[in-house]
Amino acid sequence: MSADVEFQPDLFHGAAADYERYRIAYPAALLDDLLRRSGSTGHGALLDLACGTGQIAFALANAFSEVWAVDQEPDMIDVVRAKSATAGLAHIHAVVAAAESLAPPSSTFELVTVGNGFHRLRRDAVAASIFGWVKPGGHVALLWSGSPWMGDSDWQTAFSTVLDRWKGTSADRIPAGWAEQRLRRPDRLVLAEAGFESLGVFSVSTEHRWTVEDLIGFVYSTSFLPRLALGADAPQFEAEMHTALDHIGSDEDLKQTIDFDYDLYRRPDSMH
C-alpha cells in the first residue's frame, strides 16, 4: 500500500461562486442510469463526498430520504446550505469535513458518490472507511467528465496554449507526481483492496457550446488557477484568452462533445 500524494486542503478557497456557475451539470441520463444500476430504493441515504457546491447531491436528492453533502472547503458548503434552504430540502445535511475525518454510523448509505475528486483524497484510508459506511450490497460511484481543454479543435488548441502558460505561474499549487501515483495504483485497485467489486464504467456524451466568458469562468472554478491565485493578474489572463479565442468566430464555433462517466463499485452482501 503506497501513500498518496497530499493535496492542500484549501485549493478551492474563493472558487465556490465560479464552481457553482460554470461547472457543467452531469446529464440526467447519466444520473438516471446510476440510480437504476445502483438500485436506489427512494428511501435510503446518499453520501456525496468532496461535494463541491452539491451538483451530484442536489441532482440525486429526490431519490433519497437523507443526503449528506460533505466537503472540506467551507465556501463550498456555504453554497450547499444556501441552496438547500432556498429549495426547502431539509433532508440535505451539509457538512464541513475532510473525508478521512468523517464518522457516520456504519452501514448507513445506499450510495456513496465522489465527483472528480477521489484522487485528491487519502484514497486507501477513505476507501476503507467507505466500505464500513455503505450498506452490504450498497454502491460507490466515482463520477467525472471531460474538460474544455481536452480536444484538438482550433479553439481548444488556442485555449490550451494560453492556459498552459498561465498554469506555470501557479504550478506549486498542485503536488508533483499525483497523476503518476494514480497510474501506478489506479482507483479501481484501491477500491478492490478495500473490498469492493467493480461493476464497470458507464458513459454519456453531450454536445456543449461554450462562450469565452464561460471558458474563463471554468478555469476560475479549478484548483490550479482560481481567481485568488491570479489576483491582480486576472485581467491580463482574461484579455489573453479573449485575444486567443475571439478570432475563432462566434460562440457557436466553441463546440465540444463532453464525455461524462461513472465508475461503479459494489460492497458484497455480508453473506458473501
Protein backbone atom coordinates (compact mmCIF):
# COMPACT_ATOMS: atom_id res chain seq x y z
CA MET A 1 0.00 0.00 0.00
CA SER A 2 1.51 3.31 -1.11
CA ALA A 3 0.91 6.66 0.48
CA ASP A 4 -1.00 9.06 -1.77
CA VAL A 5 0.32 12.47 -2.69
CA GLU A 6 -1.09 15.12 -0.35
CA PHE A 7 -3.15 17.98 -1.78
CA GLN A 8 -3.52 21.27 0.05
CA PRO A 9 -6.88 21.36 1.88
CA ASP A 10 -7.87 24.84 0.67
CA LEU A 11 -7.16 24.71 -3.06
CA PHE A 12 -10.71 25.84 -3.92
CA HIS A 13 -10.79 28.71 -1.43
CA GLY A 14 -12.70 31.57 -3.02
CA ALA A 15 -13.77 29.50 -6.04
CA ALA A 16 -17.24 28.40 -4.90
CA ALA A 17 -19.21 31.02 -6.85
CA ASP A 18 -17.38 30.21 -10.08
CA TYR A 19 -17.71 26.48 -9.39
CA GLU A 20 -21.45 26.80 -8.95
CA ARG A 21 -21.91 28.96 -12.04
CA TYR A 22 -19.52 27.47 -14.58
CA ARG A 23 -19.21 23.73 -13.88
CA ILE A 24 -21.23 21.69 -16.35
CA ALA A 25 -24.01 19.61 -14.77
CA TYR A 26 -23.92 15.85 -15.08
CA PRO A 27 -26.53 14.80 -17.67
CA ALA A 28 -29.81 13.48 -16.29
CA ALA A 29 -29.40 10.37 -18.45
CA LEU A 30 -26.14 9.51 -16.68
CA LEU A 31 -27.59 10.03 -13.20
CA ASP A 32 -30.76 8.10 -14.03
CA ASP A 33 -28.57 5.23 -15.22
CA LEU A 34 -26.59 5.38 -11.97
CA LEU A 35 -29.76 5.21 -9.89
CA ARG A 36 -31.02 2.27 -11.90
CA ARG A 37 -27.80 0.29 -11.71
CA SER A 38 -27.30 1.00 -8.01
CA GLY A 39 -30.88 0.02 -7.20
CA SER A 40 -31.92 3.13 -5.32
CA THR A 41 -34.99 2.41 -3.20
CA GLY A 42 -36.06 6.02 -2.80
CA HIS A 43 -35.83 5.65 0.97
CA GLY A 44 -32.11 5.26 1.58
CA ALA A 45 -29.24 7.62 2.36
CA LEU A 46 -26.73 9.16 -0.04
CA LEU A 47 -23.25 10.39 0.84
CA ASP A 48 -21.69 12.83 -1.65
CA LEU A 49 -18.01 13.18 -0.71
CA ALA A 50 -15.90 16.13 -1.86
CA CYS A 51 -19.25 17.51 -2.99
CA GLY A 52 -18.21 20.97 -4.13
CA THR A 53 -21.36 23.06 -4.34
CA GLY A 54 -23.52 19.94 -4.47
CA GLN A 55 -24.03 19.23 -8.17
CA ILE A 56 -24.47 15.50 -7.52
CA ALA A 57 -26.17 15.81 -4.14
CA PHE A 58 -28.92 18.08 -5.44
CA ALA A 59 -29.40 16.20 -8.69
CA LEU A 60 -29.98 12.95 -6.78
CA ALA A 61 -31.74 14.41 -3.74
CA ASN A 62 -35.24 13.29 -4.72
CA ALA A 63 -34.09 9.65 -4.90
CA PHE A 64 -33.03 9.51 -1.24
CA SER A 65 -34.65 10.25 2.10
CA GLU A 66 -31.37 11.53 3.52
CA VAL A 67 -28.41 13.18 1.79
CA TRP A 68 -25.03 14.01 3.28
CA ALA A 69 -23.09 16.61 1.26
CA VAL A 70 -19.53 16.73 2.61
CA ASP A 71 -16.62 18.94 1.61
CA GLN A 72 -13.59 20.25 3.49
CA GLU A 73 -13.90 23.71 1.91
CA PRO A 74 -16.25 25.94 3.98
CA ASP A 75 -17.01 28.18 0.98
CA MET A 76 -18.44 25.21 -0.91
CA ILE A 77 -20.61 24.10 1.98
CA ASP A 78 -21.91 27.65 2.45
CA VAL A 79 -23.31 27.43 -1.09
CA VAL A 80 -24.82 23.99 -0.41
CA ARG A 81 -26.56 25.29 2.72
CA ALA A 82 -27.92 28.34 0.92
CA LYS A 83 -29.23 26.23 -1.97
CA SER A 84 -30.86 23.64 0.27
CA ALA A 85 -32.53 26.38 2.35
CA THR A 86 -33.84 28.11 -0.78
CA ALA A 87 -35.15 24.85 -2.19
CA GLY A 88 -36.63 23.71 1.13
CA LEU A 89 -34.62 20.47 1.06
CA ALA A 90 -34.28 19.83 4.77
CA HIS A 91 -33.06 16.28 4.19
CA ILE A 92 -29.76 17.55 2.75
CA HIS A 93 -27.18 17.73 5.53
CA ALA A 94 -24.23 19.94 4.57
CA VAL A 95 -21.06 19.07 6.48
CA VAL A 96 -17.65 20.75 6.50
CA ALA A 97 -15.17 17.89 6.97
CA ALA A 98 -12.28 16.12 5.36
CA ALA A 99 -13.39 12.74 4.06
CA GLU A 100 -10.96 10.86 6.30
CA SER A 101 -12.29 12.57 9.43
CA LEU A 102 -15.97 11.87 8.76
CA ALA A 103 -17.61 9.47 11.23
CA PRO A 104 -21.14 8.45 10.20
CA PRO A 105 -22.70 5.30 11.67
CA SER A 106 -21.66 2.08 9.97
CA SER A 107 -23.76 0.64 7.14
CA THR A 108 -25.60 3.96 6.71
CA PHE A 109 -25.56 4.66 2.97
CA GLU A 110 -27.11 3.01 -0.06
CA LEU A 111 -24.83 5.01 -2.33
CA VAL A 112 -21.60 6.98 -1.93
CA THR A 113 -20.59 9.33 -4.75
CA VAL A 114 -17.35 11.22 -5.42
CA GLY A 115 -17.40 13.67 -8.32
CA ASN A 116 -13.99 14.10 -9.97
CA GLY A 117 -12.23 14.23 -6.62
CA PHE A 118 -11.28 10.77 -5.40
CA HIS A 119 -7.66 11.37 -6.47
CA ARG A 120 -7.47 14.28 -4.01
CA LEU A 121 -8.38 12.13 -1.03
CA ARG A 122 -6.23 9.79 1.03
CA ARG A 123 -7.60 7.03 -1.11
CA ASP A 124 -6.69 3.94 0.88
CA ALA A 125 -7.97 5.31 4.17
CA VAL A 126 -11.11 6.77 2.62
CA ALA A 127 -11.90 3.63 0.61
CA ALA A 128 -11.63 1.53 3.77
CA SER A 129 -13.91 3.96 5.61
CA ILE A 130 -16.47 3.97 2.79
CA PHE A 131 -16.58 0.17 2.92
CA GLY A 132 -17.77 0.47 6.50
CA TRP A 133 -20.18 3.32 5.82
CA VAL A 134 -22.03 1.74 2.88
CA LYS A 135 -24.62 -0.96 3.44
CA PRO A 136 -23.85 -4.53 2.35
CA GLY A 137 -24.94 -4.65 -1.28
CA GLY A 138 -24.61 -0.86 -1.49
CA HIS A 139 -22.64 1.03 -4.11
CA VAL A 140 -19.87 3.57 -4.66
CA ALA A 141 -19.73 5.69 -7.82
CA LEU A 142 -16.78 7.79 -8.97
CA LEU A 143 -18.02 10.37 -11.48
CA TRP A 144 -16.04 12.59 -13.81
CA SER A 145 -16.25 14.49 -17.07
CA GLY A 146 -14.08 15.86 -19.82
CA SER A 147 -12.62 19.37 -19.54
CA PRO A 148 -12.73 22.11 -22.19
CA TRP A 149 -9.02 21.75 -22.97
CA MET A 150 -9.47 18.06 -23.87
CA GLY A 151 -9.62 18.06 -27.64
CA ASP A 152 -7.78 19.09 -30.79
CA SER A 153 -10.09 21.65 -32.38
CA ASP A 154 -8.62 25.03 -33.26
CA TRP A 155 -10.23 26.79 -30.33
CA GLN A 156 -9.08 24.12 -27.86
CA THR A 157 -5.51 24.39 -29.12
CA ALA A 158 -5.60 28.17 -28.69
CA PHE A 159 -7.27 27.85 -25.29
CA SER A 160 -4.73 25.28 -24.07
CA THR A 161 -1.77 27.36 -25.23
CA VAL A 162 -2.83 30.32 -23.11
CA LEU A 163 -3.88 28.12 -20.20
CA ASP A 164 -0.60 26.20 -20.09
CA ARG A 165 1.36 29.42 -19.98
CA TRP A 166 -0.65 30.70 -17.03
CA LYS A 167 -0.73 27.37 -15.21
CA GLY A 168 3.03 27.69 -14.94
CA THR A 169 2.56 30.71 -12.69
CA SER A 170 0.82 28.59 -10.05
CA ALA A 171 2.43 25.19 -10.59
CA ASP A 172 3.22 24.84 -6.90
CA ARG A 173 -0.50 24.64 -6.04
CA ILE A 174 -0.78 21.04 -7.24
CA PRO A 175 1.59 18.38 -5.85
CA ALA A 176 4.09 16.94 -8.27
CA GLY A 177 3.63 13.31 -9.19
CA TRP A 178 -0.04 12.94 -8.32
CA ALA A 179 -1.00 11.66 -11.78
CA GLU A 180 1.85 9.15 -11.87
CA GLN A 181 0.86 7.85 -8.45
CA ARG A 182 -2.69 7.34 -9.66
CA LEU A 183 -1.44 5.46 -12.72
CA ARG A 184 0.68 3.17 -10.53
CA ARG A 185 -2.23 2.47 -8.21
CA PRO A 186 -5.48 3.12 -10.10
CA ASP A 187 -8.66 3.92 -8.22
CA ARG A 188 -10.09 0.51 -9.11
CA LEU A 189 -7.16 -1.21 -7.38
CA VAL A 190 -7.55 0.94 -4.26
CA LEU A 191 -11.26 0.15 -4.07
CA ALA A 192 -10.71 -3.55 -4.80
CA GLU A 193 -8.21 -3.77 -1.97
CA ALA A 194 -10.82 -2.17 0.30
CA GLY A 195 -13.23 -5.00 -0.57
CA PHE A 196 -15.38 -3.54 -3.37
CA GLU A 197 -16.23 -5.34 -6.59
CA SER A 198 -16.15 -3.37 -9.84
CA LEU A 199 -19.31 -3.28 -11.95
CA GLY A 200 -17.87 -1.30 -14.85
CA VAL A 201 -17.61 2.17 -16.34
CA PHE A 202 -20.69 3.82 -17.86
CA SER A 203 -20.77 6.88 -20.11
CA VAL A 204 -23.00 9.53 -21.65
CA SER A 205 -21.81 12.17 -24.14
CA THR A 206 -23.39 15.55 -24.77
CA GLU A 207 -22.60 18.47 -27.04
CA HIS A 208 -21.87 21.74 -25.27
CA ARG A 209 -21.40 25.23 -26.65
CA TRP A 210 -19.04 27.45 -24.70
CA THR A 211 -18.68 31.20 -24.62
CA VAL A 212 -15.30 32.81 -23.96
CA GLU A 213 -16.64 34.05 -20.63
CA ASP A 214 -17.77 30.52 -19.73
CA LEU A 215 -14.32 29.15 -20.51
CA ILE A 216 -12.65 31.77 -18.35
CA GLY A 217 -15.14 31.06 -15.58
CA PHE A 218 -14.47 27.33 -15.83
CA VAL A 219 -10.76 27.97 -15.33
CA TYR A 220 -11.59 30.05 -12.27
CA SER A 221 -13.54 27.09 -10.90
CA THR A 222 -10.45 24.88 -10.88
CA SER A 223 -7.99 24.23 -8.07
CA PHE A 224 -4.95 25.12 -10.18
CA LEU A 225 -5.97 28.59 -11.38
CA PRO A 226 -8.81 30.18 -9.36
CA ARG A 227 -9.29 33.93 -9.29
CA LEU A 228 -7.47 34.28 -5.97
CA ALA A 229 -4.38 32.58 -7.36
CA LEU A 230 -4.26 35.06 -10.24
CA GLY A 231 -5.00 38.07 -8.07
CA ALA A 232 -4.18 41.34 -9.82
CA ASP A 233 -3.11 39.41 -12.94
CA ALA A 234 -6.65 38.18 -13.64
CA PRO A 235 -7.49 40.99 -16.12
CA GLN A 236 -4.38 40.17 -18.15
CA PHE A 237 -5.29 36.47 -18.19
CA GLU A 238 -8.81 37.28 -19.38
CA ALA A 239 -7.50 39.64 -22.07
CA GLU A 240 -5.16 36.96 -23.39
CA MET A 241 -8.00 34.46 -23.52
CA HIS A 242 -10.15 36.88 -25.49
CA THR A 243 -7.28 37.63 -27.87
CA ALA A 244 -6.73 33.91 -28.46
CA LEU A 245 -10.39 32.95 -28.86
CA ASP A 246 -12.33 35.93 -30.18
CA HIS A 247 -10.88 35.46 -33.66
CA ILE A 248 -12.30 31.92 -33.83
CA GLY A 249 -15.69 33.43 -34.65
CA SER A 250 -18.96 33.36 -32.81
CA ASP A 251 -19.64 31.36 -29.68
CA GLU A 252 -21.38 28.89 -32.00
CA ASP A 253 -17.89 27.74 -33.01
CA LEU A 254 -16.79 26.91 -29.45
CA LYS A 255 -18.37 23.46 -29.52
CA GLN A 256 -17.27 20.40 -27.60
CA THR A 257 -18.57 16.88 -27.20
CA ILE A 258 -18.14 16.26 -23.46
CA ASP A 259 -17.92 12.73 -22.14
CA PHE A 260 -19.47 12.14 -18.71
CA ASP A 261 -18.61 8.87 -16.98
CA TYR A 262 -19.04 7.00 -13.75
CA ASP A 263 -17.17 4.01 -12.37
CA LEU A 264 -19.47 1.83 -10.26
CA TYR A 265 -18.49 -0.44 -7.39
CA ARG A 266 -20.48 -2.63 -5.04
CA ARG A 267 -19.90 -3.75 -1.48
CA PRO A 268 -20.61 -7.50 -1.48
CA ASP A 269 -23.51 -8.73 0.59
CA SER A 270 -22.45 -9.84 4.07
CA MET A 271 -23.41 -13.43 3.26
CA HIS A 272 -20.63 -13.46 0.69
